[in-house]
Amino acid sequence: MHMSEFSARAAGVAVTLALAAGAAVATTGTAHAGAKQPKPARAATAPAFLVPKELPPHASSDWYTGDVLKGLPEAPFCLENALPTTGSSHRLYWTEYDTGASQIVVRTGSADAARKLAATAERRIRECAADWQQQYPGGTASWRDYGTVQAEDGAHVYGVHTSYPESEPGIHLFGVGRDDRTVTIVNWGEMGNFSHAPVTAFKNTTKTAVVKLYQ
């Protein structure tokens, strides 16, 4: 699959699934790991991104990836207009089938700014299903909170399912994590429902993504 073909859906499986819409959203708090011992000072190097073998395995295809690019991917599903372009970079991943993924990394000015950005990203993901259903009332959508992941300054994993009549349903997983002043959002998606979501493998992917921010 050519990169241009994938970019329109890399944030979650496709803007073609973006006609799906959301169910009622419960308000939950942003969960991050508790206080830890101070980390040693480190040089300001570019954060390391995931490589294909660190994504949830696909049953019938290898994972492929493009270069790390500055800025944000086009229309990131659930997070459009929620993240700053300044300090951001991203990488897209795809398979030979409908499964795709993306990783966004945002380097903020301080740990407090990163904490607030991660909380905003989590809130937007929790509200995503309801927002889409309001925009596309003919569809249905729902979300699930898959809990925290212990990695650096904490991470949280969510799932969003979208469905629209006469269109394939979509399942999306999001991992939001933080290390000091850097936030990462990992997104995996394919056509399907919650039963198709590789939650355990995606939690490992999210943990790896957050740990690599410190390398």
N, C-alpha and C. Protein backbone atom coordinates (compact mmCIF):
# COMPACT_ATOMS: atom_id res chain seq x y z
N MET A 1 0.86 -1.20 0.00
CA MET A 1 0.00 0.00 0.00
C MET A 1 0.88 1.23 0.00
N HIS A 2 0.59 2.15 -0.85
CA HIS A 2 1.36 3.38 -0.93
C HIS A 2 1.04 4.27 0.25
N MET A 3 2.02 5.03 0.72
CA MET A 3 1.83 5.90 1.88
C MET A 3 0.65 6.84 1.72
N SER A 4 0.48 7.41 0.50
CA SER A 4 -0.62 8.35 0.32
C SER A 4 -1.96 7.69 0.51
N GLU A 5 -2.05 6.39 0.16
CA GLU A 5 -3.31 5.68 0.34
C GLU A 5 -3.58 5.44 1.80
N PHE A 6 -2.51 5.23 2.56
CA PHE A 6 -2.71 4.92 3.98
C PHE A 6 -2.96 6.14 4.84
N SER A 7 -2.39 7.28 4.44
CA SER A 7 -2.41 8.44 5.33
C SER A 7 -3.81 8.89 5.68
N ALA A 8 -4.78 8.67 4.79
CA ALA A 8 -6.13 9.13 5.07
C ALA A 8 -6.80 8.32 6.14
N ARG A 9 -6.25 7.14 6.49
CA ARG A 9 -6.91 6.35 7.50
C ARG A 9 -5.97 5.90 8.59
N ALA A 10 -4.71 6.34 8.55
CA ALA A 10 -3.73 5.81 9.49
C ALA A 10 -4.05 6.13 10.92
N ALA A 11 -4.76 7.16 11.22
CA ALA A 11 -5.07 7.46 12.61
C ALA A 11 -6.10 6.53 13.17
N GLY A 12 -6.62 5.68 12.48
CA GLY A 12 -7.58 4.78 13.07
C GLY A 12 -8.18 3.80 12.16
N VAL A 13 -7.95 3.57 11.04
CA VAL A 13 -8.53 2.83 9.95
C VAL A 13 -9.29 3.80 9.18
N ALA A 14 -9.30 4.52 8.93
CA ALA A 14 -9.75 5.18 7.84
C ALA A 14 -10.80 6.15 8.13
N VAL A 15 -10.52 7.22 7.36
CA VAL A 15 -11.52 8.24 7.34
C VAL A 15 -12.76 7.59 6.72
N THR A 16 -12.66 6.47 6.00
CA THR A 16 -13.85 5.79 5.48
C THR A 16 -14.70 5.26 6.60
N LEU A 17 -14.08 5.01 7.74
CA LEU A 17 -14.84 4.57 8.91
C LEU A 17 -15.27 5.76 9.76
N ALA A 18 -14.87 6.92 9.36
CA ALA A 18 -15.20 8.08 10.17
C ALA A 18 -16.65 8.44 10.10
N LEU A 19 -17.43 7.77 9.28
CA LEU A 19 -18.87 7.96 9.29
C LEU A 19 -19.51 7.24 10.46
N ALA A 20 -18.72 6.59 11.26
CA ALA A 20 -19.28 5.92 12.40
C ALA A 20 -19.45 6.87 13.56
N ALA A 21 -20.28 6.54 14.49
CA ALA A 21 -20.59 7.52 15.49
C ALA A 21 -20.75 6.95 16.87
N GLY A 22 -20.80 7.75 17.88
CA GLY A 22 -20.57 7.35 19.24
C GLY A 22 -21.73 7.24 20.17
N ALA A 23 -21.50 6.49 21.20
CA ALA A 23 -22.49 6.28 22.23
C ALA A 23 -22.23 7.20 23.40
N ALA A 24 -23.04 7.09 24.45
CA ALA A 24 -22.89 7.96 25.61
C ALA A 24 -21.53 7.79 26.22
N VAL A 25 -20.97 8.89 26.67
CA VAL A 25 -19.62 8.88 27.20
C VAL A 25 -19.66 9.18 28.69
N ALA A 26 -19.13 8.27 29.47
CA ALA A 26 -19.03 8.51 30.90
C ALA A 26 -17.77 9.30 31.17
N THR A 27 -17.79 10.11 32.19
CA THR A 27 -16.62 10.91 32.52
C THR A 27 -15.74 10.12 33.47
N THR A 28 -14.48 9.92 33.04
CA THR A 28 -13.54 9.23 33.89
C THR A 28 -12.31 10.09 34.05
N GLY A 29 -11.59 9.90 35.10
CA GLY A 29 -10.42 10.72 35.36
C GLY A 29 -9.23 10.23 34.59
N THR A 30 -8.28 11.11 34.35
CA THR A 30 -7.05 10.73 33.71
C THR A 30 -6.21 9.98 34.71
N ALA A 31 -5.78 8.79 34.33
CA ALA A 31 -5.02 7.95 35.26
C ALA A 31 -3.58 7.87 34.80
N HIS A 32 -2.72 8.25 35.65
CA HIS A 32 -1.29 8.16 35.38
C HIS A 32 -0.60 7.52 36.57
N ALA A 33 0.58 7.05 36.33
CA ALA A 33 1.33 6.43 37.42
C ALA A 33 1.65 7.45 38.50
N GLY A 34 1.83 6.98 39.70
CA GLY A 34 2.11 7.85 40.82
C GLY A 34 3.51 8.42 40.77
N ALA A 35 3.84 9.20 41.80
CA ALA A 35 5.13 9.86 41.85
C ALA A 35 6.25 8.83 41.87
N LYS A 36 7.35 9.16 41.22
CA LYS A 36 8.49 8.26 41.17
C LYS A 36 9.74 9.03 41.57
N GLN A 37 10.83 8.31 41.72
CA GLN A 37 12.10 8.95 42.04
C GLN A 37 12.53 9.82 40.87
N PRO A 38 13.18 10.96 41.16
CA PRO A 38 13.63 11.83 40.06
C PRO A 38 14.56 11.08 39.12
N LYS A 39 14.44 11.40 37.84
CA LYS A 39 15.28 10.76 36.84
C LYS A 39 16.56 11.57 36.65
N PRO A 40 17.64 10.91 36.25
CA PRO A 40 18.88 11.64 35.98
C PRO A 40 18.71 12.54 34.77
N ALA A 41 19.47 13.63 34.76
CA ALA A 41 19.41 14.55 33.62
C ALA A 41 19.86 13.82 32.35
N ARG A 42 19.32 14.22 31.22
CA ARG A 42 19.69 13.59 29.96
C ARG A 42 19.76 14.63 28.86
N ALA A 43 20.44 14.29 27.81
CA ALA A 43 20.57 15.21 26.68
C ALA A 43 19.24 15.30 25.95
N ALA A 44 18.99 16.45 25.32
CA ALA A 44 17.75 16.67 24.58
C ALA A 44 17.86 16.03 23.21
N THR A 45 17.60 14.72 23.15
CA THR A 45 17.67 14.00 21.89
C THR A 45 16.26 13.72 21.37
N ALA A 46 16.16 13.42 20.09
CA ALA A 46 14.86 13.11 19.50
C ALA A 46 14.35 11.79 20.08
N PRO A 47 13.07 11.71 20.44
CA PRO A 47 12.54 10.47 20.99
C PRO A 47 12.52 9.36 19.94
N ALA A 48 12.70 8.14 20.39
CA ALA A 48 12.68 7.00 19.48
C ALA A 48 11.24 6.57 19.23
N PHE A 49 10.93 6.26 17.99
CA PHE A 49 9.58 5.81 17.61
C PHE A 49 9.53 4.29 17.58
N LEU A 50 8.31 3.78 17.61
CA LEU A 50 8.09 2.35 17.45
C LEU A 50 8.61 1.88 16.11
N VAL A 51 9.04 0.62 16.06
CA VAL A 51 9.37 -0.03 14.81
C VAL A 51 8.31 -1.10 14.56
N PRO A 52 8.15 -1.56 13.32
CA PRO A 52 7.04 -2.46 13.00
C PRO A 52 6.90 -3.68 13.90
N LYS A 53 8.00 -4.31 14.28
CA LYS A 53 7.91 -5.52 15.09
C LYS A 53 7.37 -5.26 16.49
N GLU A 54 7.27 -3.99 16.89
CA GLU A 54 6.75 -3.65 18.22
C GLU A 54 5.25 -3.40 18.22
N LEU A 55 4.61 -3.48 17.06
CA LEU A 55 3.16 -3.34 16.97
C LEU A 55 2.50 -4.70 17.18
N PRO A 56 1.19 -4.73 17.53
CA PRO A 56 0.49 -6.01 17.68
C PRO A 56 0.62 -6.84 16.40
N PRO A 57 1.01 -8.08 16.48
CA PRO A 57 1.19 -8.89 15.27
C PRO A 57 -0.10 -9.00 14.46
N HIS A 58 0.05 -8.98 13.15
CA HIS A 58 -1.08 -9.19 12.25
C HIS A 58 -1.04 -10.64 11.77
N ALA A 59 -2.20 -11.28 11.71
CA ALA A 59 -2.24 -12.71 11.38
C ALA A 59 -1.79 -13.01 9.96
N SER A 60 -1.95 -12.05 9.04
CA SER A 60 -1.73 -12.36 7.63
C SER A 60 -0.79 -11.39 6.92
N SER A 61 -0.14 -10.52 7.64
CA SER A 61 0.69 -9.52 6.98
C SER A 61 1.79 -9.02 7.90
N ASP A 62 2.88 -8.61 7.30
CA ASP A 62 3.90 -7.86 8.03
C ASP A 62 3.40 -6.43 8.22
N TRP A 63 4.05 -5.73 9.12
CA TRP A 63 3.83 -4.29 9.28
C TRP A 63 4.88 -3.55 8.47
N TYR A 64 4.47 -2.41 7.90
CA TYR A 64 5.37 -1.55 7.16
C TYR A 64 5.28 -0.14 7.75
N THR A 65 6.30 0.65 7.52
CA THR A 65 6.30 2.00 8.09
C THR A 65 6.99 3.00 7.19
N GLY A 66 6.61 4.24 7.36
CA GLY A 66 7.26 5.33 6.67
C GLY A 66 8.26 6.01 7.58
N ASP A 67 8.78 7.14 7.13
CA ASP A 67 9.73 7.91 7.92
C ASP A 67 9.03 8.65 9.06
N VAL A 68 9.81 9.08 10.02
CA VAL A 68 9.31 9.98 11.05
C VAL A 68 9.23 11.37 10.44
N LEU A 69 8.05 11.98 10.51
CA LEU A 69 7.82 13.28 9.89
C LEU A 69 7.47 14.32 10.94
N LYS A 70 7.86 15.55 10.71
CA LYS A 70 7.49 16.63 11.60
C LYS A 70 6.01 16.95 11.47
N GLY A 71 5.41 17.44 12.55
CA GLY A 71 4.01 17.82 12.53
C GLY A 71 3.10 16.65 12.85
N LEU A 72 1.81 16.85 12.56
CA LEU A 72 0.79 15.87 12.88
C LEU A 72 0.31 15.16 11.62
N PRO A 73 -0.18 13.93 11.74
CA PRO A 73 -0.80 13.28 10.58
C PRO A 73 -2.09 13.98 10.20
N GLU A 74 -2.53 13.77 9.00
CA GLU A 74 -3.75 14.42 8.52
C GLU A 74 -4.97 13.88 9.26
N ALA A 75 -5.77 14.77 9.84
CA ALA A 75 -7.03 14.43 10.49
C ALA A 75 -6.92 13.23 11.41
N PRO A 76 -6.11 13.31 12.49
CA PRO A 76 -6.00 12.17 13.39
C PRO A 76 -7.33 11.84 14.06
N PHE A 77 -7.81 10.62 13.89
CA PHE A 77 -9.11 10.20 14.38
C PHE A 77 -9.23 10.44 15.88
N CYS A 78 -10.30 11.07 16.29
CA CYS A 78 -10.62 11.40 17.69
C CYS A 78 -9.79 12.55 18.25
N LEU A 79 -8.73 12.96 17.58
CA LEU A 79 -7.83 13.96 18.14
C LEU A 79 -7.64 15.17 17.23
N GLU A 80 -8.53 15.32 16.27
CA GLU A 80 -8.40 16.45 15.36
C GLU A 80 -8.52 17.76 16.13
N ASN A 81 -7.58 18.67 15.92
CA ASN A 81 -7.53 19.98 16.58
C ASN A 81 -7.28 19.89 18.08
N ALA A 82 -6.83 18.73 18.56
CA ALA A 82 -6.58 18.58 20.00
C ALA A 82 -5.10 18.67 20.35
N LEU A 83 -4.22 18.56 19.36
CA LEU A 83 -2.78 18.50 19.61
C LEU A 83 -2.07 19.64 18.90
N PRO A 84 -1.00 20.16 19.48
CA PRO A 84 -0.26 21.25 18.83
C PRO A 84 0.64 20.73 17.72
N THR A 85 0.77 21.52 16.68
CA THR A 85 1.70 21.15 15.61
C THR A 85 3.14 21.39 16.05
N THR A 86 3.36 22.47 16.78
CA THR A 86 4.70 22.79 17.27
C THR A 86 5.18 21.72 18.24
N GLY A 87 6.36 21.20 17.99
CA GLY A 87 6.92 20.17 18.85
C GLY A 87 6.45 18.77 18.55
N SER A 88 5.62 18.62 17.51
CA SER A 88 5.05 17.32 17.19
C SER A 88 5.80 16.64 16.04
N SER A 89 5.78 15.32 16.08
CA SER A 89 6.26 14.50 14.98
C SER A 89 5.43 13.22 14.97
N HIS A 90 5.43 12.53 13.84
CA HIS A 90 4.60 11.34 13.76
C HIS A 90 5.18 10.32 12.78
N ARG A 91 4.65 9.11 12.91
CA ARG A 91 5.04 8.02 12.01
C ARG A 91 3.81 7.18 11.73
N LEU A 92 3.64 6.78 10.47
CA LEU A 92 2.51 5.95 10.08
C LEU A 92 2.95 4.51 9.82
N TYR A 93 2.05 3.57 10.10
CA TYR A 93 2.31 2.15 9.92
C TYR A 93 1.13 1.53 9.19
N TRP A 94 1.37 0.51 8.37
CA TRP A 94 0.28 -0.11 7.65
C TRP A 94 0.61 -1.58 7.36
N THR A 95 -0.43 -2.32 7.01
CA THR A 95 -0.29 -3.71 6.61
C THR A 95 -0.80 -3.87 5.18
N GLU A 96 -0.79 -5.10 4.70
CA GLU A 96 -1.29 -5.37 3.35
C GLU A 96 -2.82 -5.42 3.34
N TYR A 97 -3.43 -5.32 4.51
CA TYR A 97 -4.88 -5.39 4.60
C TYR A 97 -5.42 -4.08 5.16
N ASP A 98 -6.47 -4.13 5.98
CA ASP A 98 -7.11 -2.90 6.44
C ASP A 98 -6.52 -2.36 7.74
N THR A 99 -5.62 -3.08 8.35
CA THR A 99 -5.09 -2.68 9.65
C THR A 99 -4.02 -1.61 9.49
N GLY A 100 -4.14 -0.54 10.25
CA GLY A 100 -3.17 0.54 10.22
C GLY A 100 -2.90 1.07 11.61
N ALA A 101 -1.88 1.87 11.74
CA ALA A 101 -1.53 2.44 13.04
C ALA A 101 -0.77 3.74 12.83
N SER A 102 -0.64 4.49 13.91
CA SER A 102 0.16 5.71 13.88
C SER A 102 0.71 5.96 15.27
N GLN A 103 1.80 6.70 15.32
CA GLN A 103 2.34 7.19 16.59
C GLN A 103 2.62 8.67 16.46
N ILE A 104 2.12 9.43 17.40
CA ILE A 104 2.39 10.86 17.48
C ILE A 104 3.21 11.12 18.74
N VAL A 105 4.22 11.94 18.62
CA VAL A 105 5.02 12.36 19.77
C VAL A 105 5.02 13.88 19.83
N VAL A 106 4.74 14.42 21.01
CA VAL A 106 4.73 15.87 21.20
C VAL A 106 5.69 16.22 22.32
N ARG A 107 6.70 17.02 22.02
CA ARG A 107 7.65 17.50 23.02
C ARG A 107 7.18 18.89 23.47
N THR A 108 6.72 18.99 24.71
CA THR A 108 6.20 20.24 25.24
C THR A 108 7.30 21.01 25.98
N GLY A 109 6.92 22.15 26.57
CA GLY A 109 7.90 22.98 27.25
C GLY A 109 8.18 22.59 28.68
N SER A 110 7.32 21.77 29.28
CA SER A 110 7.50 21.40 30.68
C SER A 110 6.72 20.13 30.99
N ALA A 111 7.05 19.52 32.12
CA ALA A 111 6.31 18.33 32.54
C ALA A 111 4.85 18.66 32.82
N ASP A 112 4.60 19.84 33.37
CA ASP A 112 3.22 20.23 33.66
C ASP A 112 2.42 20.40 32.37
N ALA A 113 3.04 21.02 31.36
CA ALA A 113 2.36 21.17 30.07
C ALA A 113 2.08 19.80 29.45
N ALA A 114 3.02 18.88 29.58
CA ALA A 114 2.82 17.53 29.03
C ALA A 114 1.71 16.81 29.77
N ARG A 115 1.64 16.98 31.06
CA ARG A 115 0.58 16.35 31.86
C ARG A 115 -0.80 16.85 31.40
N LYS A 116 -0.90 18.15 31.18
CA LYS A 116 -2.17 18.72 30.73
C LYS A 116 -2.52 18.26 29.32
N LEU A 117 -1.52 18.15 28.46
CA LEU A 117 -1.77 17.70 27.09
C LEU A 117 -2.25 16.25 27.08
N ALA A 118 -1.63 15.40 27.88
CA ALA A 118 -2.06 14.01 27.96
C ALA A 118 -3.49 13.91 28.47
N ALA A 119 -3.83 14.73 29.46
CA ALA A 119 -5.19 14.72 29.99
C ALA A 119 -6.19 15.17 28.93
N THR A 120 -5.81 16.18 28.14
CA THR A 120 -6.69 16.65 27.06
C THR A 120 -6.89 15.56 26.01
N ALA A 121 -5.81 14.88 25.64
CA ALA A 121 -5.92 13.81 24.65
C ALA A 121 -6.83 12.69 25.15
N GLU A 122 -6.68 12.31 26.41
CA GLU A 122 -7.53 11.27 26.97
C GLU A 122 -9.00 11.69 26.99
N ARG A 123 -9.24 12.93 27.35
CA ARG A 123 -10.62 13.42 27.39
C ARG A 123 -11.25 13.39 26.00
N ARG A 124 -10.49 13.81 25.00
CA ARG A 124 -11.02 13.81 23.64
C ARG A 124 -11.32 12.39 23.15
N ILE A 125 -10.49 11.43 23.53
CA ILE A 125 -10.74 10.04 23.15
C ILE A 125 -12.00 9.52 23.84
N ARG A 126 -12.18 9.86 25.12
CA ARG A 126 -13.37 9.41 25.83
C ARG A 126 -14.63 10.03 25.24
N GLU A 127 -14.52 11.23 24.69
CA GLU A 127 -15.67 11.93 24.13
C GLU A 127 -15.88 11.63 22.65
N CYS A 128 -14.94 10.92 22.04
CA CYS A 128 -14.93 10.75 20.59
C CYS A 128 -16.19 10.07 20.07
N ALA A 129 -16.59 8.97 20.71
CA ALA A 129 -17.75 8.22 20.22
C ALA A 129 -19.01 9.08 20.23
N ALA A 130 -19.25 9.77 21.33
CA ALA A 130 -20.43 10.61 21.43
C ALA A 130 -20.39 11.76 20.43
N ASP A 131 -19.20 12.31 20.23
CA ASP A 131 -19.07 13.41 19.26
C ASP A 131 -19.41 12.95 17.85
N TRP A 132 -18.95 11.76 17.47
CA TRP A 132 -19.25 11.26 16.14
C TRP A 132 -20.72 10.91 15.98
N GLN A 133 -21.32 10.37 17.02
CA GLN A 133 -22.74 10.04 16.91
C GLN A 133 -23.58 11.30 16.77
N GLN A 134 -23.16 12.36 17.41
CA GLN A 134 -23.88 13.63 17.26
C GLN A 134 -23.75 14.15 15.83
N GLN A 135 -22.58 13.95 15.24
CA GLN A 135 -22.36 14.42 13.88
C GLN A 135 -23.02 13.51 12.85
N TYR A 136 -23.07 12.22 13.13
CA TYR A 136 -23.66 11.24 12.22
C TYR A 136 -24.70 10.41 12.98
N PRO A 137 -25.88 10.96 13.21
CA PRO A 137 -26.89 10.31 14.06
C PRO A 137 -27.39 8.97 13.52
N GLY A 138 -27.13 8.66 12.26
CA GLY A 138 -27.54 7.37 11.73
C GLY A 138 -26.64 6.23 12.16
N GLY A 139 -25.49 6.54 12.75
CA GLY A 139 -24.54 5.51 13.15
C GLY A 139 -24.56 5.28 14.65
N THR A 140 -23.79 4.33 15.08
CA THR A 140 -23.64 4.04 16.51
C THR A 140 -22.16 3.91 16.83
N ALA A 141 -21.83 4.17 18.07
CA ALA A 141 -20.44 4.02 18.50
C ALA A 141 -20.40 3.86 20.01
N SER A 142 -19.32 3.32 20.50
CA SER A 142 -19.12 3.16 21.94
C SER A 142 -17.63 3.16 22.23
N TRP A 143 -17.31 3.25 23.51
CA TRP A 143 -15.89 3.25 23.88
C TRP A 143 -15.69 2.43 25.14
N ARG A 144 -14.46 2.00 25.35
CA ARG A 144 -14.10 1.24 26.54
C ARG A 144 -12.80 1.76 27.12
N ASP A 145 -12.74 1.73 28.43
CA ASP A 145 -11.53 2.11 29.15
C ASP A 145 -10.79 0.82 29.51
N TYR A 146 -9.63 0.62 28.91
CA TYR A 146 -8.85 -0.59 29.16
C TYR A 146 -7.81 -0.42 30.25
N GLY A 147 -7.83 0.72 30.91
CA GLY A 147 -6.99 0.89 32.10
C GLY A 147 -5.61 1.44 31.83
N THR A 148 -4.84 1.48 32.90
CA THR A 148 -3.52 2.10 32.86
C THR A 148 -2.45 1.10 32.46
N VAL A 149 -1.32 1.65 32.04
CA VAL A 149 -0.12 0.89 31.73
C VAL A 149 1.03 1.51 32.51
N GLN A 150 1.76 0.71 33.24
CA GLN A 150 2.87 1.21 34.03
C GLN A 150 4.10 1.40 33.15
N ALA A 151 4.39 2.65 32.84
CA ALA A 151 5.54 2.97 31.99
C ALA A 151 5.91 4.43 32.23
N GLU A 152 7.12 4.68 32.65
CA GLU A 152 7.61 6.04 32.91
C GLU A 152 6.61 6.83 33.75
N ASP A 153 6.07 7.94 33.22
CA ASP A 153 5.14 8.75 34.00
C ASP A 153 3.68 8.36 33.76
N GLY A 154 3.46 7.20 33.18
CA GLY A 154 2.11 6.65 33.09
C GLY A 154 1.55 6.64 31.69
N ALA A 155 0.63 5.72 31.46
CA ALA A 155 -0.06 5.60 30.17
C ALA A 155 -1.45 5.02 30.41
N HIS A 156 -2.33 5.23 29.45
CA HIS A 156 -3.71 4.76 29.55
C HIS A 156 -4.15 4.28 28.18
N VAL A 157 -4.93 3.20 28.15
CA VAL A 157 -5.38 2.61 26.88
C VAL A 157 -6.90 2.64 26.81
N TYR A 158 -7.42 3.03 25.63
CA TYR A 158 -8.85 3.11 25.38
C TYR A 158 -9.19 2.42 24.06
N GLY A 159 -10.45 2.04 23.91
CA GLY A 159 -10.95 1.52 22.65
C GLY A 159 -12.17 2.30 22.20
N VAL A 160 -12.30 2.51 20.90
CA VAL A 160 -13.47 3.20 20.32
C VAL A 160 -13.98 2.37 19.16
N HIS A 161 -15.27 2.01 19.20
CA HIS A 161 -15.89 1.23 18.13
C HIS A 161 -16.88 2.12 17.40
N THR A 162 -16.88 2.07 16.06
CA THR A 162 -17.77 2.88 15.26
C THR A 162 -18.46 2.01 14.22
N SER A 163 -19.72 2.30 13.95
CA SER A 163 -20.47 1.52 12.97
C SER A 163 -21.51 2.41 12.30
N TYR A 164 -21.67 2.22 11.00
CA TYR A 164 -22.63 3.02 10.24
C TYR A 164 -23.33 2.10 9.24
N PRO A 165 -24.63 2.25 9.05
CA PRO A 165 -25.34 1.37 8.11
C PRO A 165 -24.69 1.35 6.73
N GLU A 166 -24.63 0.15 6.16
CA GLU A 166 -24.07 -0.06 4.83
C GLU A 166 -22.59 0.30 4.74
N SER A 167 -21.91 0.29 5.90
CA SER A 167 -20.47 0.54 5.93
C SER A 167 -19.85 -0.45 6.91
N GLU A 168 -18.59 -0.77 6.70
CA GLU A 168 -17.91 -1.69 7.61
C GLU A 168 -17.68 -1.03 8.97
N PRO A 169 -17.86 -1.77 10.06
CA PRO A 169 -17.56 -1.20 11.38
C PRO A 169 -16.06 -1.05 11.58
N GLY A 170 -15.67 -0.18 12.47
CA GLY A 170 -14.26 0.03 12.75
C GLY A 170 -13.97 -0.06 14.23
N ILE A 171 -12.83 -0.65 14.58
CA ILE A 171 -12.38 -0.71 15.97
C ILE A 171 -11.03 -0.01 16.07
N HIS A 172 -10.89 0.84 17.06
CA HIS A 172 -9.69 1.65 17.22
C HIS A 172 -9.19 1.51 18.66
N LEU A 173 -7.90 1.38 18.82
CA LEU A 173 -7.27 1.39 20.14
C LEU A 173 -6.35 2.61 20.22
N PHE A 174 -6.36 3.25 21.39
CA PHE A 174 -5.52 4.41 21.64
C PHE A 174 -4.71 4.20 22.91
N GLY A 175 -3.43 4.50 22.84
CA GLY A 175 -2.58 4.52 24.02
C GLY A 175 -2.00 5.91 24.18
N VAL A 176 -2.25 6.53 25.34
CA VAL A 176 -1.73 7.87 25.63
C VAL A 176 -0.76 7.76 26.79
N GLY A 177 0.48 8.18 26.60
CA GLY A 177 1.48 8.06 27.65
C GLY A 177 2.38 9.27 27.72
N ARG A 178 3.09 9.38 28.84
CA ARG A 178 3.93 10.56 29.06
C ARG A 178 5.24 10.17 29.75
N ASP A 179 6.30 10.82 29.34
CA ASP A 179 7.57 10.77 30.05
C ASP A 179 8.08 12.19 30.18
N ASP A 180 8.06 12.70 31.42
CA ASP A 180 8.51 14.06 31.69
C ASP A 180 7.73 15.05 30.82
N ARG A 181 8.38 15.76 29.90
CA ARG A 181 7.69 16.78 29.11
C ARG A 181 7.27 16.29 27.73
N THR A 182 7.34 14.99 27.51
CA THR A 182 7.01 14.42 26.20
C THR A 182 5.80 13.50 26.30
N VAL A 183 4.86 13.68 25.36
CA VAL A 183 3.64 12.88 25.31
C VAL A 183 3.64 12.07 24.01
N THR A 184 3.17 10.84 24.09
CA THR A 184 2.99 10.05 22.87
C THR A 184 1.58 9.49 22.82
N ILE A 185 1.02 9.43 21.62
CA ILE A 185 -0.28 8.81 21.39
C ILE A 185 -0.11 7.77 20.30
N VAL A 186 -0.40 6.52 20.64
CA VAL A 186 -0.33 5.43 19.67
C VAL A 186 -1.76 5.04 19.31
N ASN A 187 -2.01 4.85 18.03
CA ASN A 187 -3.35 4.51 17.55
C ASN A 187 -3.26 3.31 16.62
N TRP A 188 -4.09 2.31 16.89
CA TRP A 188 -4.21 1.11 16.05
C TRP A 188 -5.65 0.99 15.60
N GLY A 189 -5.90 0.57 14.37
CA GLY A 189 -7.29 0.43 13.93
C GLY A 189 -7.45 -0.54 12.78
N GLU A 190 -8.62 -1.16 12.71
CA GLU A 190 -8.97 -2.00 11.58
C GLU A 190 -10.49 -2.13 11.51
N MET A 191 -11.00 -2.75 10.46
CA MET A 191 -12.42 -3.02 10.37
C MET A 191 -12.76 -4.16 11.31
N GLY A 192 -13.77 -3.94 12.17
CA GLY A 192 -14.13 -4.97 13.13
C GLY A 192 -14.82 -4.38 14.33
N ASN A 193 -14.84 -5.15 15.42
CA ASN A 193 -15.46 -4.69 16.65
C ASN A 193 -14.55 -4.98 17.84
N PHE A 194 -15.07 -4.80 19.06
CA PHE A 194 -14.23 -4.95 20.24
C PHE A 194 -13.61 -6.35 20.35
N SER A 195 -14.29 -7.37 19.83
CA SER A 195 -13.75 -8.72 19.93
C SER A 195 -12.49 -8.90 19.10
N HIS A 196 -12.27 -8.00 18.14
CA HIS A 196 -11.08 -8.08 17.29
C HIS A 196 -9.91 -7.26 17.82
N ALA A 197 -10.10 -6.57 18.91
CA ALA A 197 -9.06 -5.68 19.41
C ALA A 197 -7.99 -6.45 20.18
N PRO A 198 -6.72 -6.37 19.78
CA PRO A 198 -5.63 -7.06 20.48
C PRO A 198 -5.16 -6.26 21.69
N VAL A 199 -6.00 -6.20 22.72
CA VAL A 199 -5.77 -5.28 23.83
C VAL A 199 -4.45 -5.56 24.55
N THR A 200 -4.19 -6.83 24.88
CA THR A 200 -2.97 -7.15 25.61
C THR A 200 -1.73 -6.78 24.82
N ALA A 201 -1.71 -7.15 23.54
CA ALA A 201 -0.56 -6.81 22.70
C ALA A 201 -0.42 -5.31 22.54
N PHE A 202 -1.55 -4.60 22.42
CA PHE A 202 -1.49 -3.15 22.26
C PHE A 202 -0.99 -2.47 23.53
N LYS A 203 -1.34 -3.01 24.69
CA LYS A 203 -0.80 -2.46 25.94
C LYS A 203 0.73 -2.59 25.96
N ASN A 204 1.23 -3.72 25.48
CA ASN A 204 2.69 -3.88 25.40
C ASN A 204 3.29 -2.88 24.42
N THR A 205 2.60 -2.64 23.30
CA THR A 205 3.06 -1.65 22.34
C THR A 205 3.10 -0.26 22.97
N THR A 206 2.04 0.08 23.70
CA THR A 206 1.98 1.38 24.36
C THR A 206 3.11 1.54 25.37
N LYS A 207 3.34 0.51 26.16
CA LYS A 207 4.43 0.56 27.13
C LYS A 207 5.77 0.78 26.44
N THR A 208 6.00 0.05 25.38
CA THR A 208 7.25 0.20 24.62
C THR A 208 7.40 1.62 24.09
N ALA A 209 6.30 2.17 23.56
CA ALA A 209 6.34 3.53 23.00
C ALA A 209 6.73 4.55 24.06
N VAL A 210 6.17 4.41 25.26
CA VAL A 210 6.45 5.38 26.32
C VAL A 210 7.89 5.21 26.84
N VAL A 211 8.31 3.97 27.02
CA VAL A 211 9.68 3.72 27.50
C VAL A 211 10.70 4.26 26.50
N LYS A 212 10.42 4.15 25.23
CA LYS A 212 11.36 4.62 24.21
C LYS A 212 11.51 6.14 24.20
N LEU A 213 10.56 6.84 24.79
CA LEU A 213 10.69 8.30 24.89
C LEU A 213 11.90 8.69 25.73
N TYR A 214 12.30 7.81 26.64
CA TYR A 214 13.40 8.11 27.55
C TYR A 214 14.74 7.64 27.02
N GLN A 215 14.75 6.89 25.94
CA GLN A 215 16.01 6.35 25.41
C GLN A 215 16.84 7.42 24.73
